[in-house]
C-alpha atoms as a PDB file:
ATOM      1  CA  MET A   1      -0.470 -42.601   3.439  1.00  0.00           C
ATOM      2  CA  ASP A   2      -2.278 -42.014   6.470  1.00  0.00           C
ATOM      3  CA  VAL A   3      -0.496 -39.099   8.876  1.00  0.00           C
ATOM      4  CA  GLU A   4       0.353 -40.499  12.053  1.00  0.00           C
ATOM      5  CA  LEU A   5       0.902 -38.655  15.523  1.00  0.00           C
ATOM      6  CA  ARG A   6       4.625 -39.662  15.266  1.00  0.00           C
ATOM      7  CA  HIS A   7       4.570 -37.667  12.053  1.00  0.00           C
ATOM      8  CA  LEU A   8       3.758 -34.752  13.534  1.00  0.00           C
ATOM      9  CA  ARG A   9       5.720 -34.794  16.818  1.00  0.00           C
ATOM     10  CA  SER A  10       8.903 -35.491  14.893  1.00  0.00           C
ATOM     11  CA  LEU A  11       7.957 -32.534  12.615  1.00  0.00           C
ATOM     12  CA  ILE A  12       7.764 -29.982  15.493  1.00  0.00           C
ATOM     13  CA  ALA A  13      10.454 -31.425  17.202  1.00  0.00           C
ATOM     14  CA  VAL A  14      13.116 -30.641  14.454  1.00  0.00           C
ATOM     15  CA  VAL A  15      11.298 -27.451  13.981  1.00  0.00           C
ATOM     16  CA  GLU A  16      11.985 -26.729  17.892  1.00  0.00           C
ATOM     17  CA  THR A  17      15.436 -28.425  18.315  1.00  0.00           C
ATOM     18  CA  GLY A  18      17.010 -27.016  14.862  1.00  0.00           C
ATOM     19  CA  SER A  19      18.279 -30.480  13.907  1.00  0.00           C
ATOM     20  CA  PHE A  20      17.113 -33.973  13.599  1.00  0.00           C
ATOM     21  CA  THR A  21      19.585 -35.362  15.584  1.00  0.00           C
ATOM     22  CA  ASP A  22      18.609 -32.949  18.821  1.00  0.00           C
ATOM     23  CA  ALA A  23      14.706 -33.963  17.831  1.00  0.00           C
ATOM     24  CA  GLY A  24      15.864 -37.455  17.929  1.00  0.00           C
ATOM     25  CA  ILE A  25      17.340 -37.052  21.576  1.00  0.00           C
ATOM     26  CA  GLU A  26      14.157 -35.420  22.406  1.00  0.00           C
ATOM     27  CA  LEU A  27      11.663 -37.578  21.617  1.00  0.00           C
ATOM     28  CA  GLY A  28      13.981 -40.689  22.796  1.00  0.00           C
ATOM     29  CA  ILE A  29      14.105 -42.224  19.054  1.00  0.00           C
ATOM     30  CA  SER A  30      17.069 -42.318  16.413  1.00  0.00           C
ATOM     31  CA  GLN A  31      17.831 -39.550  13.876  1.00  0.00           C
ATOM     32  CA  ALA A  32      16.938 -41.973  11.132  1.00  0.00           C
ATOM     33  CA  ALA A  33      13.525 -42.744  12.835  1.00  0.00           C
ATOM     34  CA  VAL A  34      13.072 -38.699  13.012  1.00  0.00           C
ATOM     35  CA  SER A  35      13.705 -38.404   9.328  1.00  0.00           C
ATOM     36  CA  ARG A  36      11.319 -41.029   8.416  1.00  0.00           C
ATOM     37  CA  ASN A  37       8.600 -39.766  10.107  1.00  0.00           C
ATOM     38  CA  VAL A  38       9.260 -36.274   8.560  1.00  0.00           C
ATOM     39  CA  ALA A  39       9.767 -37.681   4.952  1.00  0.00           C
ATOM     40  CA  ALA A  40       6.458 -39.778   5.512  1.00  0.00           C
ATOM     41  CA  LEU A  41       4.746 -37.075   6.536  1.00  0.00           C
ATOM     42  CA  GLU A  42       5.968 -34.895   3.699  1.00  0.00           C
ATOM     43  CA  ARG A  43       4.542 -37.613   1.243  1.00  0.00           C
ATOM     44  CA  ALA A  44       1.435 -38.152   2.738  1.00  0.00           C
ATOM     45  CA  LEU A  45       0.468 -34.227   2.563  1.00  0.00           C
ATOM     46  CA  GLY A  46       2.164 -33.822  -0.938  1.00  0.00           C
ATOM     47  CA  VAL A  47       4.581 -30.730   0.146  1.00  0.00           C
ATOM     48  CA  ARG A  48       7.859 -30.174   0.979  1.00  0.00           C
ATOM     49  CA  LEU A  49       7.787 -28.857   4.939  1.00  0.00           C
ATOM     50  CA  LEU A  50      11.280 -28.239   5.564  1.00  0.00           C
ATOM     51  CA  HIS A  51      14.058 -26.751   4.252  1.00  0.00           C
ATOM     52  CA  ARG A  52      17.240 -29.025   4.682  1.00  0.00           C
ATOM     53  CA  THR A  53      21.023 -27.480   4.667  1.00  0.00           C
ATOM     54  CA  THR A  54      24.304 -28.657   5.939  1.00  0.00           C
ATOM     55  CA  ARG A  55      24.066 -26.055   8.756  1.00  0.00           C
ATOM     56  CA  SER A  56      20.553 -25.614   9.104  1.00  0.00           C
ATOM     57  CA  VAL A  57      16.604 -26.756   8.921  1.00  0.00           C
ATOM     58  CA  GLU A  58      14.046 -24.432   8.570  1.00  0.00           C
ATOM     59  CA  PRO A  59       9.912 -24.913   7.940  1.00  0.00           C
ATOM     60  CA  THR A  60       8.779 -23.633   4.411  1.00  0.00           C
ATOM     61  CA  THR A  61       5.548 -21.997   3.728  1.00  0.00           C
ATOM     62  CA  ALA A  62       3.592 -25.123   3.753  1.00  0.00           C
ATOM     63  CA  GLY A  63       5.644 -26.365   6.720  1.00  0.00           C
ATOM     64  CA  GLU A  64       4.417 -23.343   8.707  1.00  0.00           C
ATOM     65  CA  ARG A  65       1.118 -23.906   8.214  1.00  0.00           C
ATOM     66  CA  ALA A  66       1.800 -27.460   9.212  1.00  0.00           C
ATOM     67  CA  ILE A  67       3.412 -27.280  12.020  1.00  0.00           C
ATOM     68  CA  ARG A  68       0.567 -24.580  13.275  1.00  0.00           C
ATOM     69  CA  LYS A  69      -2.163 -27.100  12.814  1.00  0.00           C
ATOM     70  CA  ALA A  70       0.248 -30.264  14.276  1.00  0.00           C
ATOM     71  CA  ARG A  71       0.433 -28.390  17.379  1.00  0.00           C
ATOM     72  CA  ARG A  72      -3.206 -27.390  17.721  1.00  0.00           C
ATOM     73  CA  ALA A  73      -3.966 -31.374  17.088  1.00  0.00           C
ATOM     74  CA  LEU A  74      -1.335 -32.387  19.254  1.00  0.00           C
ATOM     75  CA  SER A  75      -3.072 -30.289  21.582  1.00  0.00           C
ATOM     76  CA  ILE A  76      -6.536 -31.440  21.526  1.00  0.00           C
ATOM     77  CA  ILE A  77      -5.544 -35.307  21.683  1.00  0.00           C
ATOM     78  CA  SER A  78      -3.556 -34.310  24.972  1.00  0.00           C
ATOM     79  CA  ASP A  79      -6.664 -32.819  26.524  1.00  0.00           C
ATOM     80  CA  LEU A  80      -8.697 -35.849  25.110  1.00  0.00           C
ATOM     81  CA  GLN A  81      -6.212 -37.852  26.870  1.00  0.00           C
ATOM     82  CA  GLN A  82      -6.979 -36.008  29.978  1.00  0.00           C
ATOM     83  CA  GLU A  83     -10.611 -35.982  30.066  1.00  0.00           C
ATOM     84  CA  ALA A  84     -10.749 -39.704  29.190  1.00  0.00           C
ATOM     85  CA  ALA A  85      -8.717 -40.491  32.446  1.00  0.00           C
ATOM     86  CA  GLY A  86     -10.945 -38.267  34.439  1.00  0.00           C
ATOM     87  CA  GLY A  87      -9.473 -35.121  33.942  1.00  0.00           C
ATOM     88  CA  GLY A  88     -11.207 -31.729  33.082  1.00  0.00           C
ATOM     89  CA  GLY A  89      -8.398 -31.189  30.502  1.00  0.00           C
ATOM     90  CA  THR A  90      -6.460 -28.291  30.130  1.00  0.00           C
ATOM     91  CA  VAL A  91      -7.365 -24.616  29.363  1.00  0.00           C
ATOM     92  CA  ARG A  92      -4.291 -22.212  27.849  1.00  0.00           C
ATOM     93  CA  ILE A  93      -4.343 -18.539  28.148  1.00  0.00           C
ATOM     94  CA  GLY A  94      -1.966 -16.689  26.232  1.00  0.00           C
ATOM     95  CA  TYR A  95      -0.724 -13.750  26.663  1.00  0.00           C
ATOM     96  CA  PRO A  96       2.178 -11.825  24.385  1.00  0.00           C
ATOM     97  CA  TRP A  97       3.510  -9.547  27.167  1.00  0.00           C
ATOM     98  CA  SER A  98       2.057  -9.888  30.432  1.00  0.00           C
ATOM     99  CA  ALA A  99      -0.924 -11.717  31.835  1.00  0.00           C
ATOM    100  CA  LEU A 100      -2.968 -10.034  34.686  1.00  0.00           C
ATOM    101  CA  GLY A 101      -0.122  -8.567  36.219  1.00  0.00           C
ATOM    102  CA  ARG A 102      -0.804  -7.998  40.130  1.00  0.00           C
ATOM    103  CA  HIS A 103      -4.230  -9.923  39.759  1.00  0.00           C
ATOM    104  CA  THR A 104      -2.303 -12.975  37.952  1.00  0.00           C
ATOM    105  CA  GLN A 105      -2.244 -14.910  41.366  1.00  0.00           C
ATOM    106  CA  GLU A 106      -5.414 -14.209  42.450  1.00  0.00           C
ATOM    107  CA  PHE A 107      -6.844 -15.206  39.221  1.00  0.00           C
ATOM    108  CA  GLN A 108      -4.884 -18.438  39.557  1.00  0.00           C
ATOM    109  CA  ARG A 109      -6.551 -19.263  42.969  1.00  0.00           C
ATOM    110  CA  ARG A 110     -10.353 -18.326  41.734  1.00  0.00           C
ATOM    111  CA  TRP A 111      -9.665 -20.324  38.675  1.00  0.00           C
ATOM    112  CA  GLU A 112      -8.854 -23.763  41.045  1.00  0.00           C
ATOM    113  CA  ALA A 113     -12.565 -23.009  42.628  1.00  0.00           C
ATOM    114  CA  VAL A 114     -14.458 -22.160  39.843  1.00  0.00           C
ATOM    115  CA  PHE A 115     -13.016 -24.812  37.526  1.00  0.00           C
ATOM    116  CA  PRO A 116     -11.984 -27.668  39.990  1.00  0.00           C
ATOM    117  CA  HIS A 117     -11.776 -30.071  37.121  1.00  0.00           C
ATOM    118  CA  SER A 118     -10.089 -28.273  34.589  1.00  0.00           C
ATOM    119  CA  GLU A 119      -5.998 -27.110  34.790  1.00  0.00           C
ATOM    120  CA  LEU A 120      -5.171 -23.679  34.102  1.00  0.00           C
ATOM    121  CA  ARG A 121      -2.166 -23.095  32.051  1.00  0.00           C
ATOM    122  CA  LEU A 122      -0.645 -19.222  31.401  1.00  0.00           C
ATOM    123  CA  VAL A 123       1.596 -19.177  27.942  1.00  0.00           C
ATOM    124  CA  ARG A 124       3.600 -16.312  27.034  1.00  0.00           C
ATOM    125  CA  THR A 125       3.122 -16.413  23.166  1.00  0.00           C
ATOM    126  CA  ASN A 126       4.620 -13.446  21.305  1.00  0.00           C
ATOM    127  CA  THR A 127       2.259 -13.578  18.682  1.00  0.00           C
ATOM    128  CA  PRO A 128      -0.573 -10.722  17.389  1.00  0.00           C
ATOM    129  CA  THR A 129      -3.283 -13.490  18.176  1.00  0.00           C
ATOM    130  CA  SER A 130      -1.102 -14.913  21.098  1.00  0.00           C
ATOM    131  CA  GLY A 131      -1.719 -18.450  19.880  1.00  0.00           C
ATOM    132  CA  LEU A 132      -5.301 -18.051  19.188  1.00  0.00           C
ATOM    133  CA  VAL A 133      -4.632 -18.396  15.490  1.00  0.00           C
ATOM    134  CA  GLU A 134      -1.672 -20.796  15.578  1.00  0.00           C
ATOM    135  CA  GLY A 135      -3.839 -23.313  17.513  1.00  0.00           C
ATOM    136  CA  THR A 136      -1.714 -22.961  20.809  1.00  0.00           C
ATOM    137  CA  SER A 137      -3.995 -21.311  22.919  1.00  0.00           C
ATOM    138  CA  ASP A 138      -7.847 -21.368  24.155  1.00  0.00           C
ATOM    139  CA  PHE A 139      -8.048 -18.091  25.073  1.00  0.00           C
ATOM    140  CA  ALA A 140      -5.993 -14.612  25.157  1.00  0.00           C
ATOM    141  CA  ILE A 141      -5.371 -11.793  27.131  1.00  0.00           C
ATOM    142  CA  LEU A 142      -4.662  -8.782  24.717  1.00  0.00           C
ATOM    143  CA  ARG A 143      -4.051  -5.268  24.695  1.00  0.00           C
ATOM    144  CA  ARG A 144      -4.072  -4.461  21.139  1.00  0.00           C
ATOM    145  CA  VAL A 145      -6.583  -5.764  18.551  1.00  0.00           C
ATOM    146  CA  PRO A 146      -5.160  -7.697  16.111  1.00  0.00           C
ATOM    147  CA  ASP A 147      -5.431  -7.309  12.145  1.00  0.00           C
ATOM    148  CA  THR A 148      -7.583 -10.575  11.665  1.00  0.00           C
ATOM    149  CA  SER A 149     -11.354 -11.279  11.542  1.00  0.00           C
ATOM    150  CA  ALA A 150     -10.596 -14.842  13.062  1.00  0.00           C
ATOM    151  CA  VAL A 151     -11.150 -13.978  16.812  1.00  0.00           C
ATOM    152  CA  ASP A 152     -13.822 -12.601  18.969  1.00  0.00           C
ATOM    153  CA  LEU A 153     -12.941  -9.783  21.460  1.00  0.00           C
ATOM    154  CA  VAL A 154     -14.783  -9.077  24.730  1.00  0.00           C
ATOM    155  CA  LEU A 155     -13.037  -5.687  26.719  1.00  0.00           C
ATOM    156  CA  ILE A 156     -12.724  -6.845  30.087  1.00  0.00           C
ATOM    157  CA  GLY A 157     -11.391  -3.567  31.515  1.00  0.00           C
ATOM    158  CA  HIS A 158      -8.622  -0.518  31.361  1.00  0.00           C
ATOM    159  CA  GLU A 159      -5.425  -0.317  32.344  1.00  0.00           C
ATOM    160  CA  ARG A 160      -3.237   2.797  33.291  1.00  0.00           C
ATOM    161  CA  ARG A 161       0.006   3.448  31.038  1.00  0.00           C
ATOM    162  CA  TYR A 162       3.756   3.457  32.607  1.00  0.00           C
ATOM    163  CA  CYS A 163       6.923   4.684  30.939  1.00  0.00           C
ATOM    164  CA  ALA A 164       9.808   2.478  31.323  1.00  0.00           C
ATOM    165  CA  MET A 165      13.070   4.006  31.501  1.00  0.00           C
ATOM    166  CA  ALA A 166      16.869   3.589  32.631  1.00  0.00           C
ATOM    167  CA  SER A 167      17.342   4.097  36.081  1.00  0.00           C
ATOM    168  CA  ARG A 168      19.674   6.815  35.398  1.00  0.00           C
ATOM    169  CA  ASP A 169      17.462   8.767  32.783  1.00  0.00           C
ATOM    170  CA  PRO A 170      16.831  12.595  33.597  1.00  0.00           C
ATOM    171  CA  LEU A 171      13.161  11.678  34.206  1.00  0.00           C
ATOM    172  CA  ALA A 172      13.723   8.966  36.461  1.00  0.00           C
ATOM    173  CA  GLY A 173      13.618  11.053  39.699  1.00  0.00           C
ATOM    174  CA  LYS A 174       9.813  12.240  38.933  1.00  0.00           C
ATOM    175  CA  ARG A 175       7.145  10.202  40.384  1.00  0.00           C
ATOM    176  CA  THR A 176       5.107  10.929  37.191  1.00  0.00           C
ATOM    177  CA  VAL A 177       5.799  11.883  33.896  1.00  0.00           C
ATOM    178  CA  SER A 178       3.570  13.384  30.727  1.00  0.00           C
ATOM    179  CA  LEU A 179       3.654  12.211  26.881  1.00  0.00           C
ATOM    180  CA  ALA A 180       5.402  15.728  26.172  1.00  0.00           C
ATOM    181  CA  GLN A 181       8.320  14.833  28.421  1.00  0.00           C
ATOM    182  CA  LEU A 182       8.657  11.360  26.909  1.00  0.00           C
ATOM    183  CA  ALA A 183       8.652  12.789  23.425  1.00  0.00           C
ATOM    184  CA  GLY A 184      12.421  13.925  24.044  1.00  0.00           C
ATOM    185  CA  ALA A 185      14.022  10.300  23.449  1.00  0.00           C
ATOM    186  CA  PRO A 186      13.296   7.600  21.176  1.00  0.00           C
ATOM    187  CA  VAL A 187      10.965   4.819  22.482  1.00  0.00           C
ATOM    188  CA  ALA A 188      11.466   0.963  21.968  1.00  0.00           C
ATOM    189  CA  ILE A 189       8.132  -0.638  20.130  1.00  0.00           C
ATOM    190  CA  ASP A 190       7.424  -4.179  19.636  1.00  0.00           C
ATOM    191  CA  PRO A 191       5.475  -3.542  15.839  1.00  0.00           C
ATOM    192  CA  ARG A 192       3.631  -7.026  15.803  1.00  0.00           C
ATOM    193  CA  THR A 193       2.196  -7.011  19.591  1.00  0.00           C
ATOM    194  CA  GLY A 194       3.717  -4.180  21.661  1.00  0.00           C
ATOM    195  CA  SER A 195       0.466  -2.013  22.844  1.00  0.00           C
ATOM    196  CA  THR A 196       2.142   1.140  22.212  1.00  0.00           C
ATOM    197  CA  ARG A 197       2.354   3.101  18.745  1.00  0.00           C
ATOM    198  CA  LEU A 198       3.925   6.306  18.246  1.00  0.00           C
ATOM    199  CA  ASP A 199       0.184   7.834  17.652  1.00  0.00           C
ATOM    200  CA  LEU A 200       0.371   7.855  21.236  1.00  0.00           C
ATOM    201  CA  TRP A 201       1.853  11.188  20.814  1.00  0.00           C
ATOM    202  CA  PRO A 202      -0.161  14.192  18.794  1.00  0.00           C
ATOM    203  CA  GLU A 203       1.343  14.184  15.324  1.00  0.00           C
ATOM    204  CA  GLY A 204       4.255  16.791  15.020  1.00  0.00           C
ATOM    205  CA  ARG A 205       4.855  15.993  19.034  1.00  0.00           C
ATOM    206  CA  ARG A 206       6.118  12.543  18.584  1.00  0.00           C
ATOM    207  CA  PRO A 207       9.300  11.061  19.989  1.00  0.00           C
ATOM    208  CA  PRO A 208      12.349  11.828  17.569  1.00  0.00           C
ATOM    209  CA  GLY A 209      13.079   7.744  16.883  1.00  0.00           C
ATOM    210  CA  THR A 210      11.914   4.355  17.736  1.00  0.00           C
ATOM    211  CA  VAL A 211      13.675   1.268  18.485  1.00  0.00           C
ATOM    212  CA  LEU A 212      12.238  -1.849  16.818  1.00  0.00           C
ATOM    213  CA  ILE A 213      12.145  -5.048  19.174  1.00  0.00           C
ATOM    214  CA  GLU A 214      10.877  -8.217  19.203  1.00  0.00           C
ATOM    215  CA  ASP A 215       9.572  -9.284  22.372  1.00  0.00           C
ATOM    216  CA  ILE A 216       9.183  -7.869  25.665  1.00  0.00           C
ATOM    217  CA  ASP A 217      12.881  -9.206  26.578  1.00  0.00           C
ATOM    218  CA  ASP A 218      14.583  -7.392  23.658  1.00  0.00           C
ATOM    219  CA  TRP A 219      12.177  -4.196  24.980  1.00  0.00           C
ATOM    220  CA  LEU A 220      13.521  -4.413  28.635  1.00  0.00           C
ATOM    221  CA  THR A 221      17.252  -4.664  28.014  1.00  0.00           C
ATOM    222  CA  VAL A 222      16.974  -1.791  25.140  1.00  0.00           C
ATOM    223  CA  ILE A 223      15.470   0.216  27.826  1.00  0.00           C
ATOM    224  CA  ALA A 224      17.933  -0.468  30.690  1.00  0.00           C
ATOM    225  CA  THR A 225      20.682   0.459  28.316  1.00  0.00           C
ATOM    226  CA  GLY A 226      19.040   3.519  28.009  1.00  0.00           C
ATOM    227  CA  ALA A 227      19.057   3.386  24.316  1.00  0.00           C
ATOM    228  CA  ALA A 228      14.997   4.152  24.353  1.00  0.00           C
ATOM    229  CA  ARG A 229      12.275   4.416  26.729  1.00  0.00           C
ATOM    230  CA  GLY A 230       9.123   2.786  26.638  1.00  0.00           C
ATOM    231  CA  VAL A 231       5.304   2.716  27.424  1.00  0.00           C
ATOM    232  CA  THR A 232       3.313  -0.395  28.462  1.00  0.00           C
ATOM    233  CA  ALA A 233       0.204  -1.265  30.144  1.00  0.00           C
ATOM    234  CA  GLU A 234       0.205  -1.159  34.383  1.00  0.00           C
ATOM    235  CA  SER A 235       0.566  -5.271  34.363  1.00  0.00           C
ATOM    236  CA  THR A 236       4.219  -5.328  32.751  1.00  0.00           C
ATOM    237  CA  ALA A 237       4.997  -2.385  35.090  1.00  0.00           C
ATOM    238  CA  TYR A 238       4.067  -5.080  37.872  1.00  0.00           C
ATOM    239  CA  GLN A 239       5.030  -8.205  36.319  1.00  0.00           C
ATOM    240  CA  TYR A 240       8.663  -7.392  34.739  1.00  0.00           C
ATOM    241  CA  ARG A 241      11.048  -5.720  37.600  1.00  0.00           C
ATOM    242  CA  ARG A 242      14.758  -5.331  36.335  1.00  0.00           C
ATOM    243  CA  PRO A 243      17.564  -3.982  38.029  1.00  0.00           C
ATOM    244  CA  GLY A 244      18.807  -0.637  36.444  1.00  0.00           C
ATOM    245  CA  LEU A 245      14.912   0.088  35.383  1.00  0.00           C
ATOM    246  CA  VAL A 246      12.316   1.823  36.717  1.00  0.00           C
ATOM    247  CA  TYR A 247       8.466   2.820  35.623  1.00  0.00           C
ATOM    248  CA  ARG A 248       6.628   5.920  36.170  1.00  0.00           C
ATOM    249  CA  LEU A 249       3.031   6.315  35.609  1.00  0.00           C
ATOM    250  CA  VAL A 250       2.354   8.440  32.277  1.00  0.00           C
ATOM    251  CA  ARG A 251      -0.065  11.051  33.857  1.00  0.00           C
ATOM    252  CA  ASP A 252      -2.430  11.953  30.543  1.00  0.00           C
ATOM    253  CA  ALA A 253      -1.909   8.923  28.732  1.00  0.00           C
ATOM    254  CA  PRO A 254      -5.384   7.391  27.793  1.00  0.00           C
ATOM    255  CA  PRO A 255      -6.037   3.814  29.850  1.00  0.00           C
ATOM    256  CA  LEU A 256      -5.128   1.179  28.000  1.00  0.00           C
ATOM    257  CA  PRO A 257      -8.045  -1.665  26.822  1.00  0.00           C
ATOM    258  CA  VAL A 258      -7.680  -5.069  27.646  1.00  0.00           C
ATOM    259  CA  TYR A 259      -9.304  -7.901  26.051  1.00  0.00           C
ATOM    260  CA  ALA A 260     -10.463 -11.370  26.462  1.00  0.00           C
ATOM    261  CA  ALA A 261     -10.150 -13.047  22.905  1.00  0.00           C
ATOM    262  CA  TRP A 262     -10.680 -16.766  21.528  1.00  0.00           C
ATOM    263  CA  SER A 263     -11.002 -18.223  18.126  1.00  0.00           C
ATOM    264  CA  LYS A 264     -13.850 -17.821  16.191  1.00  0.00           C
ATOM    265  CA  ALA A 265     -13.861 -21.026  14.319  1.00  0.00           C
ATOM    266  CA  ASP A 266     -13.294 -23.179  17.508  1.00  0.00           C
ATOM    267  CA  PRO A 267     -15.150 -21.398  20.550  1.00  0.00           C
ATOM    268  CA  PRO A 268     -13.987 -23.021  23.626  1.00  0.00           C
ATOM    269  CA  PRO A 269     -16.799 -24.032  26.155  1.00  0.00           C
ATOM    270  CA  ALA A 270     -17.092 -22.106  29.075  1.00  0.00           C
ATOM    271  CA  ARG A 271     -16.596 -18.698  27.461  1.00  0.00           C
ATOM    272  CA  LYS A 272     -19.078 -16.778  29.664  1.00  0.00           C
ATOM    273  CA  ASP A 273     -17.611 -17.949  32.946  1.00  0.00           C
ATOM    274  CA  VAL A 274     -14.105 -17.383  32.258  1.00  0.00           C
ATOM    275  CA  VAL A 275     -15.205 -13.338  30.804  1.00  0.00           C
ATOM    276  CA  GLU A 276     -16.974 -12.945  33.604  1.00  0.00           C
ATOM    277  CA  LEU A 277     -13.858 -14.058  36.111  1.00  0.00           C
ATOM    278  CA  LEU A 278     -11.368 -12.207  33.986  1.00  0.00           C
ATOM    279  CA  ALA A 279     -13.689  -9.314  33.919  1.00  0.00           C
ATOM    280  CA  GLY A 280     -13.878  -8.990  37.840  1.00  0.00           C
ATOM    281  CA  PHE A 281     -10.463  -8.491  38.104  1.00  0.00           C
ATOM    282  CA  TYR A 282     -11.249  -4.879  36.386  1.00  0.00           C
ATOM    283  CA  ALA A 283     -14.689  -4.018  37.898  1.00  0.00           C
END
């Protein structure tokens, strides 16, 4: 049996909505049709893709791999359709926390001038490669080198580091802070995609503990409550302003490298031009 696009769309919809019923509503087909499509895909691939219980639906290990490839396949089909219709397709640039900070809007404007036939889509994806390995992005803006050999990286610039803290924090009244001052309280860290690790501080002079979070929204919430401080890129300080939270420059922290990245297995066209455009903002 051949794999069909409707099979892939049904699998993705079930995982994203959490149920066959909601997937049917999302796709505009019946729950039974969604179930048949997923079952047909499992038969075609010869593996179980979903764990089904009376309360939830979760992908199996094979299902997670299939979902990544299904998303990539559907994205390629969508780009092909746009190009066939006379457009230049969509270029997806993923980022785990922040895009280009204060440069983001100007980057979008310049993109239209440099690539008039390609639509730019900035996508926040909190994975180590910001969607490259998963197939949901063509380029990625990273501030941490991922633990994989599947991507190529080019350094496009550096950013200063800022500390985020609750507005009632004792350090909030200062214009700048030092790493030694920040070591007096726990620090919030995203172990998967965050740009800060404890080795930013010298051994023996590190914060007393960490609060592990899963993404930028968790990070902002934890810090605003005063449970921890956070150290991040200048772009995050610009892009994510919140009531009850302030940012202060960390004057003695080393600058944070910023990379443009793409998949080695499927390098996108116009890489040189895209990197040149991105690097121009950090020149």
